[in-house]
Amino acid sequence: MPDDRQVIAYKNYFLDFYEKQPENVQTKIEWTLNLIKVTQYIPEKYFKHLEGTNGLYEIRVEVGRNIYRIFSFFDKGNLVVLGNAFHKKSQKTPKQELEKALKIMEEYQNENK
């Protein structure tokens, strides 16, 4: 078993989204984040690298028919950094959400060199 991963929220990007969600969604988000912390090989159903990006992942949360995505990336091996999140309403990830996630990742990396 590896050292547990740490999950941190960068600035308020994720927290602003999280606080607006109903309690059942917050509970499922917490369950999923905990899974990421303690599971060595996380099923792609919950955590997936986004193709065509340099290290951007999406954390996948499903509550009933609702799908939520939290963009994240790694820092220093076991640290998972949470960026922006959104309620997914279509098959394709909205371009502006993806662009925002990439900007957040870049901002974080520039601050933590």
C-alpha atoms as a PDB file:
ATOM      1  CA  MET A   1       0.000   0.000   0.000  1.00  0.00           C
ATOM      2  CA  PRO A   2       1.482   3.350  -0.971  1.00  0.00           C
ATOM      3  CA  ASP A   3       1.541   6.318   1.317  1.00  0.00           C
ATOM      4  CA  ASP A   4      -1.915   7.768   1.249  1.00  0.00           C
ATOM      5  CA  ARG A   5      -2.317  10.536  -1.260  1.00  0.00           C
ATOM      6  CA  GLN A   6      -3.055  13.986  -0.002  1.00  0.00           C
ATOM      7  CA  VAL A   7      -5.850  15.926  -1.661  1.00  0.00           C
ATOM      8  CA  ILE A   8      -5.834  19.705  -1.408  1.00  0.00           C
ATOM      9  CA  ALA A   9      -7.990  22.404  -2.945  1.00  0.00           C
ATOM     10  CA  TYR A  10      -6.044  25.129  -4.716  1.00  0.00           C
ATOM     11  CA  LYS A  11      -7.387  28.585  -3.854  1.00  0.00           C
ATOM     12  CA  ASN A  12     -11.209  28.668  -3.924  1.00  0.00           C
ATOM     13  CA  TYR A  13     -11.847  27.197  -7.360  1.00  0.00           C
ATOM     14  CA  PHE A  14     -13.132  23.858  -6.102  1.00  0.00           C
ATOM     15  CA  LEU A  15     -14.515  25.057  -2.767  1.00  0.00           C
ATOM     16  CA  ASP A  16     -16.779  27.668  -4.383  1.00  0.00           C
ATOM     17  CA  PHE A  17     -18.327  24.903  -6.490  1.00  0.00           C
ATOM     18  CA  TYR A  18     -18.509  22.392  -3.626  1.00  0.00           C
ATOM     19  CA  GLU A  19     -20.284  24.768  -1.244  1.00  0.00           C
ATOM     20  CA  LYS A  20     -23.085  25.350  -3.783  1.00  0.00           C
ATOM     21  CA  GLN A  21     -23.899  21.642  -4.095  1.00  0.00           C
ATOM     22  CA  PRO A  22     -26.697  19.868  -2.234  1.00  0.00           C
ATOM     23  CA  GLU A  23     -25.699  17.700   0.713  1.00  0.00           C
ATOM     24  CA  ASN A  24     -26.032  14.391  -1.184  1.00  0.00           C
ATOM     25  CA  VAL A  25     -23.638  15.659  -3.864  1.00  0.00           C
ATOM     26  CA  GLN A  26     -21.151  16.925  -1.253  1.00  0.00           C
ATOM     27  CA  THR A  27     -21.273  13.510   0.437  1.00  0.00           C
ATOM     28  CA  LYS A  28     -20.517  11.696  -2.833  1.00  0.00           C
ATOM     29  CA  ILE A  29     -17.707  14.143  -3.648  1.00  0.00           C
ATOM     30  CA  GLU A  30     -16.174  13.487  -0.209  1.00  0.00           C
ATOM     31  CA  TRP A  31     -16.521   9.713  -0.708  1.00  0.00           C
ATOM     32  CA  THR A  32     -14.806   9.940  -4.098  1.00  0.00           C
ATOM     33  CA  LEU A  33     -11.980  12.164  -2.792  1.00  0.00           C
ATOM     34  CA  ASN A  34     -11.423   9.701   0.051  1.00  0.00           C
ATOM     35  CA  LEU A  35     -11.245   6.836  -2.461  1.00  0.00           C
ATOM     36  CA  ILE A  36      -8.538   8.746  -4.322  1.00  0.00           C
ATOM     37  CA  LYS A  37      -6.616   9.253  -1.075  1.00  0.00           C
ATOM     38  CA  VAL A  38      -6.510   5.598  -0.053  1.00  0.00           C
ATOM     39  CA  THR A  39      -6.738   3.506  -3.251  1.00  0.00           C
ATOM     40  CA  GLN A  40      -3.513   2.592  -5.016  1.00  0.00           C
ATOM     41  CA  TYR A  41      -5.059   1.949  -8.440  1.00  0.00           C
ATOM     42  CA  ILE A  42      -8.077   4.187  -8.803  1.00  0.00           C
ATOM     43  CA  PRO A  43     -10.652   2.921 -11.312  1.00  0.00           C
ATOM     44  CA  GLU A  44     -11.003   5.169 -14.363  1.00  0.00           C
ATOM     45  CA  LYS A  45     -14.682   5.461 -13.487  1.00  0.00           C
ATOM     46  CA  TYR A  46     -13.562   7.854 -10.706  1.00  0.00           C
ATOM     47  CA  PHE A  47     -10.227   9.280 -11.845  1.00  0.00           C
ATOM     48  CA  LYS A  48      -9.081   9.681 -15.428  1.00  0.00           C
ATOM     49  CA  HIS A  49      -6.187  11.370 -17.187  1.00  0.00           C
ATOM     50  CA  LEU A  50      -7.443  13.750 -19.851  1.00  0.00           C
ATOM     51  CA  GLU A  51      -5.955  12.852 -23.210  1.00  0.00           C
ATOM     52  CA  GLY A  52      -4.058  15.607 -24.931  1.00  0.00           C
ATOM     53  CA  THR A  53      -3.158  17.350 -21.654  1.00  0.00           C
ATOM     54  CA  ASN A  54       0.096  17.346 -19.775  1.00  0.00           C
ATOM     55  CA  GLY A  55      -0.989  15.911 -16.439  1.00  0.00           C
ATOM     56  CA  LEU A  56      -4.572  17.097 -16.110  1.00  0.00           C
ATOM     57  CA  TYR A  57      -7.016  14.610 -14.591  1.00  0.00           C
ATOM     58  CA  GLU A  58     -10.713  14.645 -13.959  1.00  0.00           C
ATOM     59  CA  ILE A  59     -12.285  13.271 -10.836  1.00  0.00           C
ATOM     60  CA  ARG A  60     -15.635  11.801 -11.792  1.00  0.00           C
ATOM     61  CA  VAL A  61     -18.576  11.965  -9.427  1.00  0.00           C
ATOM     62  CA  GLU A  62     -22.004  10.588 -10.271  1.00  0.00           C
ATOM     63  CA  VAL A  63     -25.102  11.199  -8.184  1.00  0.00           C
ATOM     64  CA  GLY A  64     -28.186   9.631  -9.701  1.00  0.00           C
ATOM     65  CA  ARG A  65     -28.293  10.923 -13.268  1.00  0.00           C
ATOM     66  CA  ASN A  66     -26.121  13.928 -12.485  1.00  0.00           C
ATOM     67  CA  ILE A  67     -22.460  13.906 -13.379  1.00  0.00           C
ATOM     68  CA  TYR A  68     -19.890  16.190 -11.822  1.00  0.00           C
ATOM     69  CA  ARG A  69     -16.261  16.679 -12.796  1.00  0.00           C
ATOM     70  CA  ILE A  70     -13.432  18.062 -10.715  1.00  0.00           C
ATOM     71  CA  PHE A  71     -10.246  18.898 -12.558  1.00  0.00           C
ATOM     72  CA  SER A  72      -7.070  17.976 -10.737  1.00  0.00           C
ATOM     73  CA  PHE A  73      -3.370  17.352 -11.190  1.00  0.00           C
ATOM     74  CA  PHE A  74      -0.482  15.906  -9.247  1.00  0.00           C
ATOM     75  CA  ASP A  75       2.268  17.731  -7.423  1.00  0.00           C
ATOM     76  CA  LYS A  76       5.252  16.045  -5.765  1.00  0.00           C
ATOM     77  CA  GLY A  77       4.015  12.519  -6.448  1.00  0.00           C
ATOM     78  CA  ASN A  78       1.283  11.909  -3.895  1.00  0.00           C
ATOM     79  CA  LEU A  79      -0.308  15.345  -3.737  1.00  0.00           C
ATOM     80  CA  VAL A  80      -3.522  15.709  -5.737  1.00  0.00           C
ATOM     81  CA  VAL A  81      -4.425  19.347  -6.308  1.00  0.00           C
ATOM     82  CA  LEU A  82      -8.072  20.196  -7.005  1.00  0.00           C
ATOM     83  CA  GLY A  83      -8.821  22.937  -9.507  1.00  0.00           C
ATOM     84  CA  ASN A  84     -12.189  23.943 -10.903  1.00  0.00           C
ATOM     85  CA  ALA A  85     -15.272  21.732 -10.980  1.00  0.00           C
ATOM     86  CA  PHE A  86     -18.545  21.728 -12.871  1.00  0.00           C
ATOM     87  CA  HIS A  87     -21.857  19.936 -13.321  1.00  0.00           C
ATOM     88  CA  LYS A  88     -21.562  18.030 -16.587  1.00  0.00           C
ATOM     89  CA  LYS A  89     -24.633  18.417 -18.777  1.00  0.00           C
ATOM     90  CA  SER A  90     -23.383  16.988 -22.073  1.00  0.00           C
ATOM     91  CA  GLN A  91     -21.132  14.220 -23.345  1.00  0.00           C
ATOM     92  CA  LYS A  92     -18.292  16.569 -24.135  1.00  0.00           C
ATOM     93  CA  THR A  93     -16.368  18.502 -21.506  1.00  0.00           C
ATOM     94  CA  PRO A  94     -17.079  22.219 -22.073  1.00  0.00           C
ATOM     95  CA  LYS A  95     -14.069  23.858 -23.714  1.00  0.00           C
ATOM     96  CA  GLN A  96     -14.117  26.856 -21.351  1.00  0.00           C
ATOM     97  CA  GLU A  97     -13.989  24.554 -18.289  1.00  0.00           C
ATOM     98  CA  LEU A  98     -11.036  22.666 -19.743  1.00  0.00           C
ATOM     99  CA  GLU A  99      -9.220  25.901 -20.616  1.00  0.00           C
ATOM    100  CA  LYS A 100      -9.874  27.221 -17.113  1.00  0.00           C
ATOM    101  CA  ALA A 101      -8.473  23.994 -15.613  1.00  0.00           C
ATOM    102  CA  LEU A 102      -5.300  24.281 -17.682  1.00  0.00           C
ATOM    103  CA  LYS A 103      -4.870  27.917 -16.606  1.00  0.00           C
ATOM    104  CA  ILE A 104      -5.328  26.947 -12.948  1.00  0.00           C
ATOM    105  CA  MET A 105      -2.755  24.167 -13.272  1.00  0.00           C
ATOM    106  CA  GLU A 106      -0.301  26.586 -14.886  1.00  0.00           C
ATOM    107  CA  GLU A 107      -0.963  29.204 -12.201  1.00  0.00           C
ATOM    108  CA  TYR A 108      -0.348  26.629  -9.465  1.00  0.00           C
ATOM    109  CA  GLN A 109       2.866  25.406 -11.074  1.00  0.00           C
ATOM    110  CA  ASN A 110       4.186  28.954 -11.466  1.00  0.00           C
ATOM    111  CA  GLU A 111       3.506  29.664  -7.784  1.00  0.00           C
ATOM    112  CA  ASN A 112       5.048  26.391  -6.586  1.00  0.00           C
ATOM    113  CA  LYS A 113       8.314  26.206  -8.503  1.00  0.00           C
END
